Amino acid sequence: QGAQESLTAQHMQTTQELARHRLDLQAAQATGRAQDDLEAKNAALREKLAAMQSEMTAQREELFATQRDLDQAMYRIQSKEVLDQVQRERSNLRSSSSMMTAPS
């Protein structure tokens, strides 16, 4: 009967170890699923970030192009103003020069 009790005790101990092992396995599986979920969310966030960076790059390029167009337009306006001023001054010089040389 002592052998039977010993065997029963070993069986109970083994059953408890098996139950603990099953709990550990379930926890590991749950952790694995959580890890997989986190990795999937991380991958989705990386894709979203890459798309946002691409959009920002496109907007930056568009902004640079708009700034370049604006700079060129301002240069043309300023150049025209300078040319108009030069033409007015030439016209004024011609007028005053012809008045000085006109017979009285």
PDB file of N, CA and C in Angstrom:
ATOM      1  N   GLN A   1       0.830  -1.189   0.000  1.00  0.00           N
ATOM      2  CA  GLN A   1       0.000   0.000   0.000  1.00  0.00           C
ATOM      3  C   GLN A   1       0.869   1.244   0.000  1.00  0.00           C
ATOM      4  N   GLY A   2       2.030   1.244   0.562  1.00  0.00           N
ATOM      5  CA  GLY A   2       2.947   2.381   0.553  1.00  0.00           C
ATOM      6  C   GLY A   2       3.360   2.715  -0.864  1.00  0.00           C
ATOM      7  N   ALA A   3       3.549   1.682  -1.672  1.00  0.00           N
ATOM      8  CA  ALA A   3       3.917   1.917  -3.068  1.00  0.00           C
ATOM      9  C   ALA A   3       2.761   2.566  -3.802  1.00  0.00           C
ATOM     10  N   GLN A   4       1.546   2.131  -3.464  1.00  0.00           N
ATOM     11  CA  GLN A   4       0.353   2.712  -4.098  1.00  0.00           C
ATOM     12  C   GLN A   4       0.219   4.180  -3.738  1.00  0.00           C
ATOM     13  N   GLU A   5       0.440   4.525  -2.485  1.00  0.00           N
ATOM     14  CA  GLU A   5       0.347   5.923  -2.049  1.00  0.00           C
ATOM     15  C   GLU A   5       1.432   6.759  -2.725  1.00  0.00           C
ATOM     16  N   SER A   6       2.591   6.194  -2.829  1.00  0.00           N
ATOM     17  CA  SER A   6       3.689   6.904  -3.484  1.00  0.00           C
ATOM     18  C   SER A   6       3.367   7.144  -4.954  1.00  0.00           C
ATOM     19  N   LEU A   7       2.826   6.108  -5.588  1.00  0.00           N
ATOM     20  CA  LEU A   7       2.462   6.235  -6.993  1.00  0.00           C
ATOM     21  C   LEU A   7       1.344   7.265  -7.166  1.00  0.00           C
ATOM     22  N   THR A   8       0.385   7.262  -6.269  1.00  0.00           N
ATOM     23  CA  THR A   8      -0.714   8.231  -6.312  1.00  0.00           C
ATOM     24  C   THR A   8      -0.183   9.650  -6.113  1.00  0.00           C
ATOM     25  N   ALA A   9       0.748   9.812  -5.189  1.00  0.00           N
ATOM     26  CA  ALA A   9       1.340  11.123  -4.938  1.00  0.00           C
ATOM     27  C   ALA A   9       2.108  11.605  -6.173  1.00  0.00           C
ATOM     28  N   GLN A  10       2.864  10.697  -6.781  1.00  0.00           N
ATOM     29  CA  GLN A  10       3.597  11.070  -7.996  1.00  0.00           C
ATOM     30  C   GLN A  10       2.636  11.437  -9.119  1.00  0.00           C
ATOM     31  N   HIS A  11       1.525  10.701  -9.206  1.00  0.00           N
ATOM     32  CA  HIS A  11       0.522  10.969 -10.240  1.00  0.00           C
ATOM     33  C   HIS A  11      -0.090  12.347 -10.040  1.00  0.00           C
ATOM     34  N   MET A  12      -0.397  12.670  -8.786  1.00  0.00           N
ATOM     35  CA  MET A  12      -0.982  13.990  -8.481  1.00  0.00           C
ATOM     36  C   MET A  12       0.027  15.102  -8.792  1.00  0.00           C
ATOM     37  N   GLN A  13       1.269  14.864  -8.428  1.00  0.00           N
ATOM     38  CA  GLN A  13       2.309  15.856  -8.686  1.00  0.00           C
ATOM     39  C   GLN A  13       2.480  16.049 -10.194  1.00  0.00           C
ATOM     40  N   THR A  14       2.493  14.956 -10.921  1.00  0.00           N
ATOM     41  CA  THR A  14       2.636  15.032 -12.380  1.00  0.00           C
ATOM     42  C   THR A  14       1.428  15.731 -12.993  1.00  0.00           C
ATOM     43  N   THR A  15       0.245  15.448 -12.487  1.00  0.00           N
ATOM     44  CA  THR A  15      -0.985  16.087 -12.982  1.00  0.00           C
ATOM     45  C   THR A  15      -0.928  17.592 -12.723  1.00  0.00           C
ATOM     46  N   GLN A  16      -0.459  17.982 -11.541  1.00  0.00           N
ATOM     47  CA  GLN A  16      -0.336  19.404 -11.229  1.00  0.00           C
ATOM     48  C   GLN A  16       0.711  20.076 -12.121  1.00  0.00           C
ATOM     49  N   GLU A  17       1.824  19.387 -12.356  1.00  0.00           N
ATOM     50  CA  GLU A  17       2.856  19.940 -13.235  1.00  0.00           C
ATOM     51  C   GLU A  17       2.314  20.102 -14.652  1.00  0.00           C
ATOM     52  N   LEU A  18       1.538  19.115 -15.087  1.00  0.00           N
ATOM     53  CA  LEU A  18       0.935  19.175 -16.415  1.00  0.00           C
ATOM     54  C   LEU A  18      -0.045  20.352 -16.490  1.00  0.00           C
ATOM     55  N   ALA A  19      -0.830  20.552 -15.446  1.00  0.00           N
ATOM     56  CA  ALA A  19      -1.777  21.676 -15.422  1.00  0.00           C
ATOM     57  C   ALA A  19      -1.032  23.010 -15.463  1.00  0.00           C
ATOM     58  N   ARG A  20       0.071  23.117 -14.686  1.00  0.00           N
ATOM     59  CA  ARG A  20       0.882  24.341 -14.715  1.00  0.00           C
ATOM     60  C   ARG A  20       1.490  24.556 -16.105  1.00  0.00           C
ATOM     61  N   HIS A  21       1.943  23.454 -16.675  1.00  0.00           N
ATOM     62  CA  HIS A  21       2.531  23.534 -18.008  1.00  0.00           C
ATOM     63  C   HIS A  21       1.488  24.012 -19.032  1.00  0.00           C
ATOM     64  N   ARG A  22       0.261  23.498 -18.916  1.00  0.00           N
ATOM     65  CA  ARG A  22      -0.821  23.927 -19.827  1.00  0.00           C
ATOM     66  C   ARG A  22      -1.104  25.417 -19.648  1.00  0.00           C
ATOM     67  N   LEU A  23      -1.137  25.884 -18.390  1.00  0.00           N
ATOM     68  CA  LEU A  23      -1.356  27.311 -18.132  1.00  0.00           C
ATOM     69  C   LEU A  23      -0.223  28.150 -18.716  1.00  0.00           C
ATOM     70  N   ASP A  24       1.010  27.663 -18.528  1.00  0.00           N
ATOM     71  CA  ASP A  24       2.160  28.373 -19.104  1.00  0.00           C
ATOM     72  C   ASP A  24       2.068  28.420 -20.622  1.00  0.00           C
ATOM     73  N   LEU A  25       1.654  27.296 -21.198  1.00  0.00           N
ATOM     74  CA  LEU A  25       1.529  27.233 -22.655  1.00  0.00           C
ATOM     75  C   LEU A  25       0.441  28.189 -23.143  1.00  0.00           C
ATOM     76  N   GLN A  26      -0.692  28.228 -22.439  1.00  0.00           N
ATOM     77  CA  GLN A  26      -1.767  29.148 -22.815  1.00  0.00           C
ATOM     78  C   GLN A  26      -1.312  30.603 -22.696  1.00  0.00           C
ATOM     79  N   ALA A  27      -0.589  30.903 -21.627  1.00  0.00           N
ATOM     80  CA  ALA A  27      -0.079  32.269 -21.451  1.00  0.00           C
ATOM     81  C   ALA A  27       0.905  32.610 -22.568  1.00  0.00           C
ATOM     82  N   ALA A  28       1.767  31.647 -22.917  1.00  0.00           N
ATOM     83  CA  ALA A  28       2.732  31.892 -23.999  1.00  0.00           C
ATOM     84  C   ALA A  28       2.019  32.112 -25.330  1.00  0.00           C
ATOM     85  N   GLN A  29       0.965  31.324 -25.561  1.00  0.00           N
ATOM     86  CA  GLN A  29       0.202  31.502 -26.797  1.00  0.00           C
ATOM     87  C   GLN A  29      -0.480  32.862 -26.819  1.00  0.00           C
ATOM     88  N   ALA A  30      -1.045  33.265 -25.698  1.00  0.00           N
ATOM     89  CA  ALA A  30      -1.698  34.575 -25.620  1.00  0.00           C
ATOM     90  C   ALA A  30      -0.675  35.681 -25.841  1.00  0.00           C
ATOM     91  N   THR A  31       0.490  35.525 -25.239  1.00  0.00           N
ATOM     92  CA  THR A  31       1.556  36.512 -25.424  1.00  0.00           C
ATOM     93  C   THR A  31       2.002  36.541 -26.875  1.00  0.00           C
ATOM     94  N   GLY A  32       2.080  35.357 -27.466  1.00  0.00           N
ATOM     95  CA  GLY A  32       2.454  35.288 -28.882  1.00  0.00           C
ATOM     96  C   GLY A  32       1.442  35.990 -29.767  1.00  0.00           C
ATOM     97  N   ARG A  33       0.161  35.800 -29.459  1.00  0.00           N
ATOM     98  CA  ARG A  33      -0.884  36.490 -30.239  1.00  0.00           C
ATOM     99  C   ARG A  33      -0.789  37.996 -30.029  1.00  0.00           C
ATOM    100  N   ALA A  34      -0.553  38.398 -28.778  1.00  0.00           N
ATOM    101  CA  ALA A  34      -0.407  39.831 -28.494  1.00  0.00           C
ATOM    102  C   ALA A  34       0.803  40.383 -29.236  1.00  0.00           C
ATOM    103  N   GLN A  35       1.889  39.622 -29.250  1.00  0.00           N
ATOM    104  CA  GLN A  35       3.095  40.051 -29.968  1.00  0.00           C
ATOM    105  C   GLN A  35       2.804  40.175 -31.467  1.00  0.00           C
ATOM    106  N   ASP A  36       2.075  39.184 -32.002  1.00  0.00           N
ATOM    107  CA  ASP A  36       1.716  39.237 -33.423  1.00  0.00           C
ATOM    108  C   ASP A  36       0.842  40.453 -33.712  1.00  0.00           C
ATOM    109  N   ASP A  37      -0.114  40.726 -32.806  1.00  0.00           N
ATOM    110  CA  ASP A  37      -0.976  41.902 -32.987  1.00  0.00           C
ATOM    111  C   ASP A  37      -0.152  43.184 -32.967  1.00  0.00           C
ATOM    112  N   LEU A  38       0.781  43.267 -32.017  1.00  0.00           N
ATOM    113  CA  LEU A  38       1.625  44.455 -31.929  1.00  0.00           C
ATOM    114  C   LEU A  38       2.487  44.613 -33.182  1.00  0.00           C
ATOM    115  N   GLU A  39       3.025  43.516 -33.671  1.00  0.00           N
ATOM    116  CA  GLU A  39       3.845  43.589 -34.873  1.00  0.00           C
ATOM    117  C   GLU A  39       3.012  44.016 -36.081  1.00  0.00           C
ATOM    118  N   ALA A  40       1.773  43.516 -36.168  1.00  0.00           N
ATOM    119  CA  ALA A  40       0.885  43.908 -37.268  1.00  0.00           C
ATOM    120  C   ALA A  40       0.542  45.396 -37.177  1.00  0.00           C
ATOM    121  N   LYS A  41       0.239  45.863 -35.967  1.00  0.00           N
ATOM    122  CA  LYS A  41      -0.062  47.289 -35.783  1.00  0.00           C
ATOM    123  C   LYS A  41       1.168  48.133 -36.095  1.00  0.00           C
ATOM    124  N   ASN A  42       2.338  47.649 -35.687  1.00  0.00           N
ATOM    125  CA  ASN A  42       3.574  48.364 -35.954  1.00  0.00           C
ATOM    126  C   ASN A  42       3.814  48.459 -37.456  1.00  0.00           C
ATOM    127  N   ALA A  43       3.592  47.373 -38.180  1.00  0.00           N
ATOM    128  CA  ALA A  43       3.762  47.380 -39.630  1.00  0.00           C
ATOM    129  C   ALA A  43       2.777  48.351 -40.281  1.00  0.00           C
ATOM    130  N   ALA A  44       1.533  48.355 -39.798  1.00  0.00           N
ATOM    131  CA  ALA A  44       0.532  49.276 -40.344  1.00  0.00           C
ATOM    132  C   ALA A  44       0.932  50.722 -40.084  1.00  0.00           C
ATOM    133  N   LEU A  45       1.451  50.992 -38.886  1.00  0.00           N
ATOM    134  CA  LEU A  45       1.891  52.350 -38.565  1.00  0.00           C
ATOM    135  C   LEU A  45       3.093  52.757 -39.417  1.00  0.00           C
ATOM    136  N   ARG A  46       4.002  51.810 -39.668  1.00  0.00           N
ATOM    137  CA  ARG A  46       5.152  52.122 -40.536  1.00  0.00           C
ATOM    138  C   ARG A  46       4.679  52.474 -41.944  1.00  0.00           C
ATOM    139  N   GLU A  47       3.689  51.716 -42.445  1.00  0.00           N
ATOM    140  CA  GLU A  47       3.141  52.010 -43.772  1.00  0.00           C
ATOM    141  C   GLU A  47       2.469  53.382 -43.787  1.00  0.00           C
ATOM    142  N   LYS A  48       1.714  53.671 -42.742  1.00  0.00           N
ATOM    143  CA  LYS A  48       1.035  54.972 -42.651  1.00  0.00           C
ATOM    144  C   LYS A  48       2.060  56.103 -42.600  1.00  0.00           C
ATOM    145  N   LEU A  49       3.120  55.904 -41.810  1.00  0.00           N
ATOM    146  CA  LEU A  49       4.174  56.908 -41.699  1.00  0.00           C
ATOM    147  C   LEU A  49       4.862  57.118 -43.047  1.00  0.00           C
ATOM    148  N   ALA A  50       5.146  56.030 -43.746  1.00  0.00           N
ATOM    149  CA  ALA A  50       5.787  56.147 -45.063  1.00  0.00           C
ATOM    150  C   ALA A  50       4.892  56.907 -46.031  1.00  0.00           C
ATOM    151  N   ALA A  51       3.587  56.634 -45.987  1.00  0.00           N
ATOM    152  CA  ALA A  51       2.652  57.355 -46.858  1.00  0.00           C
ATOM    153  C   ALA A  51       2.617  58.837 -46.502  1.00  0.00           C
ATOM    154  N   MET A  52       2.629  59.145 -45.205  1.00  0.00           N
ATOM    155  CA  MET A  52       2.615  60.542 -44.774  1.00  0.00           C
ATOM    156  C   MET A  52       3.905  61.248 -45.189  1.00  0.00           C
ATOM    157  N   GLN A  53       5.039  60.551 -45.063  1.00  0.00           N
ATOM    158  CA  GLN A  53       6.309  61.153 -45.470  1.00  0.00           C
ATOM    159  C   GLN A  53       6.325  61.398 -46.973  1.00  0.00           C
ATOM    160  N   SER A  54       5.766  60.471 -47.722  1.00  0.00           N
ATOM    161  CA  SER A  54       5.691  60.635 -49.175  1.00  0.00           C
ATOM    162  C   SER A  54       4.815  61.836 -49.522  1.00  0.00           C
ATOM    163  N   GLU A  55       3.689  61.962 -48.849  1.00  0.00           N
ATOM    164  CA  GLU A  55       2.786  63.092 -49.076  1.00  0.00           C
ATOM    165  C   GLU A  55       3.469  64.409 -48.702  1.00  0.00           C
ATOM    166  N   MET A  56       4.193  64.405 -47.584  1.00  0.00           N
ATOM    167  CA  MET A  56       4.900  65.619 -47.178  1.00  0.00           C
ATOM    168  C   MET A  56       5.963  66.002 -48.208  1.00  0.00           C
ATOM    169  N   THR A  57       6.655  65.008 -48.739  1.00  0.00           N
ATOM    170  CA  THR A  57       7.666  65.278 -49.765  1.00  0.00           C
ATOM    171  C   THR A  57       7.015  65.874 -50.999  1.00  0.00           C
ATOM    172  N   ALA A  58       5.883  65.318 -51.417  1.00  0.00           N
ATOM    173  CA  ALA A  58       5.174  65.844 -52.582  1.00  0.00           C
ATOM    174  C   ALA A  58       4.706  67.280 -52.325  1.00  0.00           C
ATOM    175  N   GLN A  59       4.179  67.539 -51.128  1.00  0.00           N
ATOM    176  CA  GLN A  59       3.729  68.890 -50.802  1.00  0.00           C
ATOM    177  C   GLN A  59       4.906  69.856 -50.748  1.00  0.00           C
ATOM    178  N   ARG A  60       6.036  69.407 -50.221  1.00  0.00           N
ATOM    179  CA  ARG A  60       7.230  70.255 -50.156  1.00  0.00           C
ATOM    180  C   ARG A  60       7.702  70.601 -51.573  1.00  0.00           C
ATOM    181  N   GLU A  61       7.706  69.612 -52.461  1.00  0.00           N
ATOM    182  CA  GLU A  61       8.108  69.869 -53.845  1.00  0.00           C
ATOM    183  C   GLU A  61       7.144  70.841 -54.522  1.00  0.00           C
ATOM    184  N   GLU A  62       5.858  70.682 -54.244  1.00  0.00           N
ATOM    185  CA  GLU A  62       4.856  71.591 -54.804  1.00  0.00           C
ATOM    186  C   GLU A  62       5.068  73.003 -54.249  1.00  0.00           C
ATOM    187  N   LEU A  63       5.369  73.108 -52.969  1.00  0.00           N
ATOM    188  CA  LEU A  63       5.627  74.404 -52.357  1.00  0.00           C
ATOM    189  C   LEU A  63       6.858  75.062 -52.980  1.00  0.00           C
ATOM    190  N   PHE A  64       7.928  74.274 -53.192  1.00  0.00           N
ATOM    191  CA  PHE A  64       9.136  74.820 -53.822  1.00  0.00           C
ATOM    192  C   PHE A  64       8.834  75.313 -55.227  1.00  0.00           C
ATOM    193  N   ALA A  65       8.034  74.543 -55.983  1.00  0.00           N
ATOM    194  CA  ALA A  65       7.679  74.943 -57.347  1.00  0.00           C
ATOM    195  C   ALA A  65       6.850  76.236 -57.320  1.00  0.00           C
ATOM    196  N   THR A  66       5.924  76.322 -56.384  1.00  0.00           N
ATOM    197  CA  THR A  66       5.102  77.534 -56.263  1.00  0.00           C
ATOM    198  C   THR A  66       5.971  78.728 -55.876  1.00  0.00           C
ATOM    199  N   GLN A  67       6.897  78.522 -54.946  1.00  0.00           N
ATOM    200  CA  GLN A  67       7.797  79.608 -54.541  1.00  0.00           C
ATOM    201  C   GLN A  67       8.662  80.050 -55.714  1.00  0.00           C
ATOM    202  N   ARG A  68       9.143  79.088 -56.499  1.00  0.00           N
ATOM    203  CA  ARG A  68       9.962  79.418 -57.667  1.00  0.00           C
ATOM    204  C   ARG A  68       9.136  80.231 -58.677  1.00  0.00           C
ATOM    205  N   ASP A  69       7.888  79.808 -58.919  1.00  0.00           N
ATOM    206  CA  ASP A  69       7.008  80.554 -59.826  1.00  0.00           C
ATOM    207  C   ASP A  69       6.759  81.967 -59.301  1.00  0.00           C
ATOM    208  N   LEU A  70       6.544  82.084 -58.005  1.00  0.00           N
ATOM    209  CA  LEU A  70       6.314  83.392 -57.399  1.00  0.00           C
ATOM    210  C   LEU A  70       7.554  84.270 -57.534  1.00  0.00           C
ATOM    211  N   ASP A  71       8.725  83.696 -57.272  1.00  0.00           N
ATOM    212  CA  ASP A  71       9.971  84.454 -57.411  1.00  0.00           C
ATOM    213  C   ASP A  71      10.156  84.946 -58.845  1.00  0.00           C
ATOM    214  N   GLN A  72       9.861  84.074 -59.820  1.00  0.00           N
ATOM    215  CA  GLN A  72       9.999  84.466 -61.229  1.00  0.00           C
ATOM    216  C   GLN A  72       9.005  85.570 -61.588  1.00  0.00           C
ATOM    217  N   ALA A  73       7.777  85.455 -61.071  1.00  0.00           N
ATOM    218  CA  ALA A  73       6.774  86.490 -61.348  1.00  0.00           C
ATOM    219  C   ALA A  73       7.198  87.816 -60.731  1.00  0.00           C
ATOM    220  N   MET A  74       7.697  87.784 -59.503  1.00  0.00           N
ATOM    221  CA  MET A  74       8.156  89.013 -58.856  1.00  0.00           C
ATOM    222  C   MET A  74       9.338  89.609 -59.619  1.00  0.00           C
ATOM    223  N   TYR A  75      10.245  88.788 -60.102  1.00  0.00           N
ATOM    224  CA  TYR A  75      11.386  89.272 -60.878  1.00  0.00           C
ATOM    225  C   TYR A  75      10.903  89.962 -62.164  1.00  0.00           C
ATOM    226  N   ARG A  76       9.916  89.332 -62.834  1.00  0.00           N
ATOM    227  CA  ARG A  76       9.389  89.947 -64.064  1.00  0.00           C
ATOM    228  C   ARG A  76       8.711  91.288 -63.771  1.00  0.00           C
ATOM    229  N   ILE A  77       7.940  91.340 -62.678  1.00  0.00           N
ATOM    230  CA  ILE A  77       7.262  92.591 -62.311  1.00  0.00           C
ATOM    231  C   ILE A  77       8.286  93.673 -61.996  1.00  0.00           C
ATOM    232  N   GLN A  78       9.296  93.325 -61.192  1.00  0.00           N
ATOM    233  CA  GLN A  78      10.317  94.314 -60.825  1.00  0.00           C
ATOM    234  C   GLN A  78      11.127  94.748 -62.039  1.00  0.00           C
ATOM    235  N   SER A  79      11.420  93.795 -62.918  1.00  0.00           N
ATOM    236  CA  SER A  79      12.164  94.138 -64.132  1.00  0.00           C
ATOM    237  C   SER A  79      11.356  95.096 -64.995  1.00  0.00           C
ATOM    238  N   LYS A  80      10.051  94.825 -65.129  1.00  0.00           N
ATOM    239  CA  LYS A  80       9.190  95.706 -65.925  1.00  0.00           C
ATOM    240  C   LYS A  80       9.127  97.097 -65.301  1.00  0.00           C
ATOM    241  N   GLU A  81       9.027  97.151 -63.977  1.00  0.00           N
ATOM    242  CA  GLU A  81       8.992  98.452 -63.309  1.00  0.00           C
ATOM    243  C   GLU A  81      10.292  99.216 -63.564  1.00  0.00           C
ATOM    244  N   VAL A  82      11.426  98.523 -63.480  1.00  0.00           N
ATOM    245  CA  VAL A  82      12.715  99.184 -63.732  1.00  0.00           C
ATOM    246  C   VAL A  82      12.774  99.666 -65.183  1.00  0.00           C
ATOM    247  N   LEU A  83      12.372  98.811 -66.122  1.00  0.00           N
ATOM    248  CA  LEU A  83      12.392  99.203 -67.535  1.00  0.00           C
ATOM    249  C   LEU A  83      11.459 100.386 -67.791  1.00  0.00           C
ATOM    250  N   ASP A  84      10.283 100.375 -67.190  1.00  0.00           N
ATOM    251  CA  ASP A  84       9.351 101.493 -67.346  1.00  0.00           C
ATOM    252  C   ASP A  84       9.963 102.783 -66.799  1.00  0.00           C
ATOM    253  N   GLN A  85      10.617 102.671 -65.646  1.00  0.00           N
ATOM    254  CA  GLN A  85      11.261 103.852 -65.053  1.00  0.00           C
ATOM    255  C   GLN A  85      12.368 104.373 -65.970  1.00  0.00           C
ATOM    256  N   VAL A  86      13.175 103.466 -66.509  1.00  0.00           N
ATOM    257  CA  VAL A  86      14.251 103.880 -67.424  1.00  0.00           C
ATOM    258  C   VAL A  86      13.657 104.559 -68.652  1.00  0.00           C
ATOM    259  N   GLN A  87      12.596 104.006 -69.204  1.00  0.00           N
ATOM    260  CA  GLN A  87      11.976 104.611 -70.385  1.00  0.00           C
ATOM    261  C   GLN A  87      11.404 105.990 -70.062  1.00  0.00           C
ATOM    262  N   ARG A  88      10.794 106.146 -68.892  1.00  0.00           N
ATOM    263  CA  ARG A  88      10.275 107.459 -68.504  1.00  0.00           C
ATOM    264  C   ARG A  88      11.415 108.466 -68.387  1.00  0.00           C
ATOM    265  N   GLU A  89      12.514 108.029 -67.739  1.00  0.00           N
ATOM    266  CA  GLU A  89      13.651 108.941 -67.588  1.00  0.00           C
ATOM    267  C   GLU A  89      14.257 109.291 -68.939  1.00  0.00           C
ATOM    268  N   ARG A  90      14.350 108.373 -69.859  1.00  0.00           N
ATOM    269  CA  ARG A  90      14.864 108.664 -71.202  1.00  0.00           C
ATOM    270  C   ARG A  90      13.939 109.648 -71.922  1.00  0.00           C
ATOM    271  N   SER A  91      12.649 109.377 -71.769  1.00  0.00           N
ATOM    272  CA  SER A  91      11.679 110.262 -72.415  1.00  0.00           C
ATOM    273  C   SER A  91      11.790 111.682 -71.849  1.00  0.00           C
ATOM    274  N   ASN A  92      11.929 111.762 -70.514  1.00  0.00           N
ATOM    275  CA  ASN A  92      12.079 113.071 -69.877  1.00  0.00           C
ATOM    276  C   ASN A  92      13.363 113.749 -70.340  1.00  0.00           C
ATOM    277  N   LEU A  93      14.449 112.970 -70.444  1.00  0.00           N
ATOM    278  CA  LEU A  93      15.720 113.538 -70.912  1.00  0.00           C
ATOM    279  C   LEU A  93      15.587 114.046 -72.341  1.00  0.00           C
ATOM    280  N   ARG A  94      14.925 113.276 -73.201  1.00  0.00           N
ATOM    281  CA  ARG A  94      14.733 113.709 -74.595  1.00  0.00           C
ATOM    282  C   ARG A  94      13.911 114.998 -74.646  1.00  0.00           C
ATOM    283  N   SER A  95      12.857 115.012 -73.813  1.00  0.00           N
ATOM    284  CA  SER A  95      12.003 116.200 -73.812  1.00  0.00           C
ATOM    285  C   SER A  95      12.778 117.422 -73.357  1.00  0.00           C
ATOM    286  N   SER A  96      13.504 117.276 -72.272  1.00  0.00           N
ATOM    287  CA  SER A  96      14.251 118.436 -71.772  1.00  0.00           C
ATOM    288  C   SER A  96      15.398 118.773 -72.719  1.00  0.00           C
ATOM    289  N   SER A  97      15.993 117.754 -73.356  1.00  0.00           N
ATOM    290  CA  SER A  97      17.072 118.003 -74.312  1.00  0.00           C
ATOM    291  C   SER A  97      16.534 118.719 -75.541  1.00  0.00           C
ATOM    292  N   SER A  98      15.377 118.316 -76.025  1.00  0.00           N
ATOM    293  CA  SER A  98      14.823 118.972 -77.220  1.00  0.00           C
ATOM    294  C   SER A  98      14.355 120.379 -76.884  1.00  0.00           C
ATOM    295  N   MET A  99      13.944 120.625 -75.663  1.00  0.00           N
ATOM    296  CA  MET A  99      13.548 121.978 -75.280  1.00  0.00           C
ATOM    297  C   MET A  99      14.761 122.890 -75.218  1.00  0.00           C
ATOM    298  N   MET A 100      15.903 122.338 -74.787  1.00  0.00           N
ATOM    299  CA  MET A 100      17.101 123.128 -74.663  1.00  0.00           C
ATOM    300  C   MET A 100      17.665 123.475 -76.056  1.00  0.00           C
ATOM    301  N   THR A 101      17.505 122.558 -76.977  1.00  0.00           N
ATOM    302  CA  THR A 101      18.076 122.768 -78.307  1.00  0.00           C
ATOM    303  C   THR A 101      17.101 123.427 -79.274  1.00  0.00           C
ATOM    304  N   ALA A 102      15.881 123.589 -78.852  1.00  0.00           N
ATOM    305  CA  ALA A 102      14.876 124.186 -79.766  1.00  0.00           C
ATOM    306  C   ALA A 102      15.193 125.679 -79.935  1.00  0.00           C
ATOM    307  N   PRO A 103      15.072 126.170 -81.189  1.00  0.00           N
ATOM    308  CA  PRO A 103      15.315 127.589 -81.410  1.00  0.00           C
ATOM    309  C   PRO A 103      14.260 128.450 -80.713  1.00  0.00           C
ATOM    310  N   SER A 104      14.695 129.583 -80.228  1.00  0.00           N
ATOM    311  CA  SER A 104      13.757 130.431 -79.534  1.00  0.00           C
ATOM    312  C   SER A 104      13.287 131.578 -80.363  1.00  0.00           C
TER     313      SER A 104
END
